């Protein structure tokens, strides 16, 4: 199944400003063959997932998303991975 990506425009602008993350980078990280996902354990009204993936330029991103609207994947937030996220990616890759 082909998956498309959507991101609320206002939320995207906030994330872009705060974390300097571009939409194309998020899509690129989500398509990382070495990337992996885990369930977001926080209590939300919807099921959320956390994806850890690297862009073609080597930037490691944490992406939180919901796939309840498949074939559209709704991006919630994204930010550059640090600390334990980097360690986890390196161990799994």
N, C-alpha and C. Protein backbone atom coordinates (compact mmCIF):
# COMPACT_ATOMS: atom_id res chain seq x y z
N UNK A 1 0.84 -1.17 0.00
CA UNK A 1 0.00 0.00 0.00
C UNK A 1 0.89 1.24 0.00
N UNK A 2 0.60 2.17 -0.88
CA UNK A 2 1.31 3.45 -0.89
C UNK A 2 0.75 4.33 0.22
N UNK A 3 1.66 4.98 0.92
CA UNK A 3 1.28 5.85 2.03
C UNK A 3 1.62 7.28 1.67
N UNK A 4 0.69 8.19 1.95
CA UNK A 4 0.93 9.62 1.78
C UNK A 4 1.11 10.25 3.15
N UNK A 5 1.68 11.44 3.16
CA UNK A 5 1.96 12.12 4.41
C UNK A 5 1.26 13.47 4.45
N UNK A 6 0.63 13.76 5.58
CA UNK A 6 -0.02 15.06 5.78
C UNK A 6 0.44 15.63 7.11
N UNK A 7 0.42 16.97 7.18
CA UNK A 7 0.85 17.66 8.39
C UNK A 7 0.03 18.93 8.48
N UNK A 8 -0.65 19.12 9.59
CA UNK A 8 -1.42 20.33 9.82
C UNK A 8 -0.51 21.54 9.59
N UNK A 9 -0.96 22.46 8.74
CA UNK A 9 -0.12 23.60 8.34
C UNK A 9 0.35 24.45 9.52
N UNK A 10 -0.52 24.73 10.46
CA UNK A 10 -0.13 25.54 11.61
C UNK A 10 0.89 24.80 12.48
N UNK A 11 0.64 23.52 12.71
CA UNK A 11 1.57 22.72 13.50
C UNK A 11 2.93 22.62 12.80
N UNK A 12 2.89 22.46 11.48
CA UNK A 12 4.14 22.39 10.72
C UNK A 12 4.96 23.66 10.89
N UNK A 13 4.32 24.81 10.80
CA UNK A 13 5.05 26.07 10.95
C UNK A 13 5.69 26.18 12.33
N UNK A 14 4.98 25.74 13.36
CA UNK A 14 5.53 25.78 14.72
C UNK A 14 6.75 24.86 14.85
N UNK A 15 6.63 23.67 14.32
CA UNK A 15 7.75 22.71 14.40
C UNK A 15 8.93 23.20 13.56
N UNK A 16 8.63 23.75 12.40
CA UNK A 16 9.69 24.27 11.53
C UNK A 16 10.46 25.37 12.25
N UNK A 17 9.74 26.25 12.91
CA UNK A 17 10.37 27.36 13.61
C UNK A 17 11.15 26.88 14.84
N UNK A 18 10.54 26.00 15.62
CA UNK A 18 11.16 25.54 16.87
C UNK A 18 12.31 24.56 16.64
N UNK A 19 12.13 23.63 15.70
CA UNK A 19 13.11 22.55 15.53
C UNK A 19 13.87 22.60 14.21
N UNK A 20 13.53 23.56 13.35
CA UNK A 20 14.20 23.70 12.05
C UNK A 20 14.14 22.39 11.25
N UNK A 21 12.94 21.82 11.20
CA UNK A 21 12.72 20.57 10.47
C UNK A 21 11.77 20.85 9.30
N UNK A 22 12.18 20.46 8.12
CA UNK A 22 11.39 20.67 6.92
C UNK A 22 10.56 19.42 6.61
N UNK A 23 9.43 19.62 5.94
CA UNK A 23 8.53 18.52 5.61
C UNK A 23 9.25 17.44 4.79
N UNK A 24 10.04 17.85 3.80
CA UNK A 24 10.71 16.86 2.96
C UNK A 24 11.71 16.03 3.77
N UNK A 25 12.30 16.62 4.82
CA UNK A 25 13.22 15.86 5.67
C UNK A 25 12.48 14.79 6.45
N UNK A 26 11.29 15.12 6.92
CA UNK A 26 10.48 14.16 7.67
C UNK A 26 10.10 12.98 6.78
N UNK A 27 9.64 13.27 5.58
CA UNK A 27 9.29 12.20 4.65
C UNK A 27 10.51 11.35 4.36
N UNK A 28 11.64 12.00 4.14
CA UNK A 28 12.90 11.30 3.87
C UNK A 28 13.26 10.38 5.04
N UNK A 29 13.14 10.86 6.27
CA UNK A 29 13.44 10.04 7.45
C UNK A 29 12.46 8.88 7.59
N UNK A 30 11.19 9.12 7.27
CA UNK A 30 10.19 8.05 7.35
C UNK A 30 10.44 6.95 6.33
N UNK A 31 11.19 7.25 5.30
CA UNK A 31 11.49 6.26 4.26
C UNK A 31 12.86 5.61 4.45
N UNK A 32 13.51 5.89 5.57
CA UNK A 32 14.81 5.30 5.89
C UNK A 32 14.64 3.79 6.07
N UNK A 33 15.31 2.96 5.24
CA UNK A 33 15.17 1.51 5.39
C UNK A 33 15.74 0.98 6.70
N UNK A 34 16.61 1.73 7.35
CA UNK A 34 17.17 1.33 8.64
C UNK A 34 16.39 1.92 9.81
N UNK A 35 15.39 2.72 9.51
CA UNK A 35 14.59 3.34 10.56
C UNK A 35 13.70 2.31 11.24
N UNK A 36 13.14 2.69 12.36
CA UNK A 36 12.26 1.78 13.08
C UNK A 36 11.23 2.58 13.87
N UNK A 37 10.15 1.89 14.23
CA UNK A 37 9.08 2.54 14.97
C UNK A 37 8.83 1.84 16.29
N UNK A 38 8.23 2.59 17.18
CA UNK A 38 7.77 2.02 18.44
C UNK A 38 6.51 2.77 18.83
N UNK A 39 5.70 2.11 19.63
CA UNK A 39 4.46 2.74 20.08
C UNK A 39 4.78 3.90 21.01
N UNK A 40 4.01 4.97 20.89
CA UNK A 40 4.10 6.09 21.82
C UNK A 40 3.29 5.68 23.05
N UNK A 41 3.96 5.51 24.16
CA UNK A 41 3.32 4.99 25.38
C UNK A 41 2.45 6.01 26.10
N UNK A 42 2.55 7.28 25.72
CA UNK A 42 1.73 8.31 26.37
C UNK A 42 0.25 8.06 26.07
N UNK A 43 -0.60 8.54 26.93
CA UNK A 43 -2.04 8.37 26.77
C UNK A 43 -2.60 9.47 25.87
N UNK A 44 -3.00 9.10 24.68
CA UNK A 44 -3.59 10.03 23.72
C UNK A 44 -4.96 9.51 23.33
N UNK A 45 -5.75 10.36 22.72
CA UNK A 45 -7.06 9.92 22.23
C UNK A 45 -6.92 9.01 21.03
N UNK A 46 -5.77 9.05 20.39
CA UNK A 46 -5.51 8.23 19.21
C UNK A 46 -4.22 7.44 19.44
N UNK A 47 -4.06 6.39 18.69
CA UNK A 47 -2.81 5.63 18.75
C UNK A 47 -1.73 6.40 18.00
N UNK A 48 -0.60 6.60 18.64
CA UNK A 48 0.51 7.32 18.02
C UNK A 48 1.75 6.45 17.99
N UNK A 49 2.58 6.72 17.00
CA UNK A 49 3.81 5.98 16.81
C UNK A 49 4.99 6.94 16.77
N UNK A 50 6.14 6.42 17.18
CA UNK A 50 7.39 7.18 17.11
C UNK A 50 8.30 6.48 16.12
N UNK A 51 8.77 7.22 15.14
CA UNK A 51 9.68 6.68 14.13
C UNK A 51 11.03 7.37 14.29
N UNK A 52 12.08 6.60 14.23
CA UNK A 52 13.44 7.12 14.29
C UNK A 52 14.10 6.78 12.97
N UNK A 53 14.44 7.80 12.20
CA UNK A 53 15.02 7.56 10.89
C UNK A 53 15.98 8.65 10.48
N UNK A 54 16.85 8.30 9.55
CA UNK A 54 17.88 9.22 9.09
C UNK A 54 17.56 9.71 7.69
N UNK A 55 17.82 10.99 7.45
CA UNK A 55 17.62 11.57 6.13
C UNK A 55 18.80 11.22 5.24
N UNK A 56 18.66 11.49 3.95
CA UNK A 56 19.76 11.25 3.01
C UNK A 56 20.98 12.09 3.34
N UNK A 57 20.78 13.21 4.02
CA UNK A 57 21.91 14.07 4.39
C UNK A 57 22.51 13.69 5.74
N UNK A 58 21.98 12.64 6.38
CA UNK A 58 22.54 12.15 7.62
C UNK A 58 21.92 12.70 8.89
N UNK A 59 20.89 13.50 8.74
CA UNK A 59 20.22 14.06 9.91
C UNK A 59 19.28 13.00 10.50
N UNK A 60 19.43 12.73 11.79
CA UNK A 60 18.61 11.73 12.46
C UNK A 60 17.42 12.42 13.11
N UNK A 61 16.21 12.00 12.72
CA UNK A 61 14.99 12.64 13.20
C UNK A 61 14.10 11.68 13.97
N UNK A 62 13.45 12.22 14.98
CA UNK A 62 12.38 11.54 15.70
C UNK A 62 11.08 12.11 15.14
N UNK A 63 10.20 11.24 14.65
CA UNK A 63 8.94 11.67 14.05
C UNK A 63 7.80 10.99 14.80
N UNK A 64 6.87 11.79 15.29
CA UNK A 64 5.68 11.25 15.95
C UNK A 64 4.53 11.38 14.96
N UNK A 65 3.79 10.28 14.77
CA UNK A 65 2.72 10.30 13.77
C UNK A 65 1.59 9.38 14.18
N UNK A 66 0.48 9.53 13.48
CA UNK A 66 -0.68 8.67 13.64
C UNK A 66 -0.99 8.06 12.28
N UNK A 67 -1.31 6.77 12.30
CA UNK A 67 -1.66 6.12 11.03
C UNK A 67 -3.12 5.67 11.00
N UNK A 68 -3.93 6.31 11.82
CA UNK A 68 -5.35 5.93 11.89
C UNK A 68 -6.12 6.29 10.64
N UNK A 69 -5.54 7.13 9.79
CA UNK A 69 -6.23 7.58 8.59
C UNK A 69 -5.59 7.01 7.33
N UNK A 70 -4.98 5.82 7.44
CA UNK A 70 -4.32 5.22 6.29
C UNK A 70 -5.25 5.21 5.09
N UNK A 71 -4.75 5.48 3.90
CA UNK A 71 -3.35 5.50 3.51
C UNK A 71 -2.63 6.82 3.78
N UNK A 72 -3.21 7.71 4.57
CA UNK A 72 -2.51 8.94 4.93
C UNK A 72 -1.91 8.79 6.32
N UNK A 73 -0.65 9.14 6.42
CA UNK A 73 0.06 9.15 7.69
C UNK A 73 0.10 10.60 8.15
N UNK A 74 -0.53 10.88 9.30
CA UNK A 74 -0.59 12.26 9.80
C UNK A 74 0.58 12.51 10.73
N UNK A 75 1.45 13.41 10.32
CA UNK A 75 2.61 13.76 11.12
C UNK A 75 2.16 14.71 12.23
N UNK A 76 2.61 14.43 13.44
CA UNK A 76 2.24 15.24 14.59
C UNK A 76 3.37 16.19 14.95
N UNK A 77 4.58 15.67 15.05
CA UNK A 77 5.75 16.51 15.33
C UNK A 77 7.01 15.79 14.87
N UNK A 78 8.09 16.52 14.80
CA UNK A 78 9.39 15.96 14.43
C UNK A 78 10.48 16.84 15.01
N UNK A 79 11.57 16.21 15.38
CA UNK A 79 12.71 16.96 15.93
C UNK A 79 13.98 16.14 15.76
N UNK A 80 15.11 16.80 15.87
CA UNK A 80 16.39 16.13 15.72
C UNK A 80 16.64 15.22 16.92
N UNK A 81 17.09 14.01 16.62
CA UNK A 81 17.37 13.03 17.67
C UNK A 81 18.64 13.40 18.42
N UNK A 82 18.62 13.20 19.73
CA UNK A 82 19.80 13.41 20.56
C UNK A 82 19.86 12.28 21.59
N UNK A 83 20.96 12.21 22.30
CA UNK A 83 21.11 11.30 23.43
C UNK A 83 20.71 9.87 23.18
N UNK A 84 19.73 9.41 23.96
CA UNK A 84 19.32 8.00 23.88
C UNK A 84 18.77 7.61 22.52
N UNK A 85 18.16 8.58 21.83
CA UNK A 85 17.62 8.28 20.49
C UNK A 85 18.76 7.92 19.54
N UNK A 86 19.84 8.69 19.59
CA UNK A 86 21.00 8.42 18.72
C UNK A 86 21.59 7.06 19.07
N UNK A 87 21.75 6.79 20.35
CA UNK A 87 22.30 5.50 20.79
C UNK A 87 21.44 4.34 20.31
N UNK A 88 20.13 4.49 20.44
CA UNK A 88 19.22 3.42 20.02
C UNK A 88 19.30 3.18 18.52
N UNK A 89 19.37 4.25 17.74
CA UNK A 89 19.46 4.10 16.28
C UNK A 89 20.76 3.39 15.91
N UNK A 90 21.86 3.80 16.52
CA UNK A 90 23.15 3.20 16.21
C UNK A 90 23.19 1.72 16.59
N UNK A 91 22.54 1.35 17.68
CA UNK A 91 22.51 -0.05 18.10
C UNK A 91 21.68 -0.90 17.15
N UNK A 92 20.61 -0.34 16.61
CA UNK A 92 19.71 -1.11 15.75
C UNK A 92 20.13 -1.12 14.29
N UNK A 93 20.95 -0.17 13.89
CA UNK A 93 21.33 -0.07 12.47
C UNK A 93 22.53 -0.94 12.15
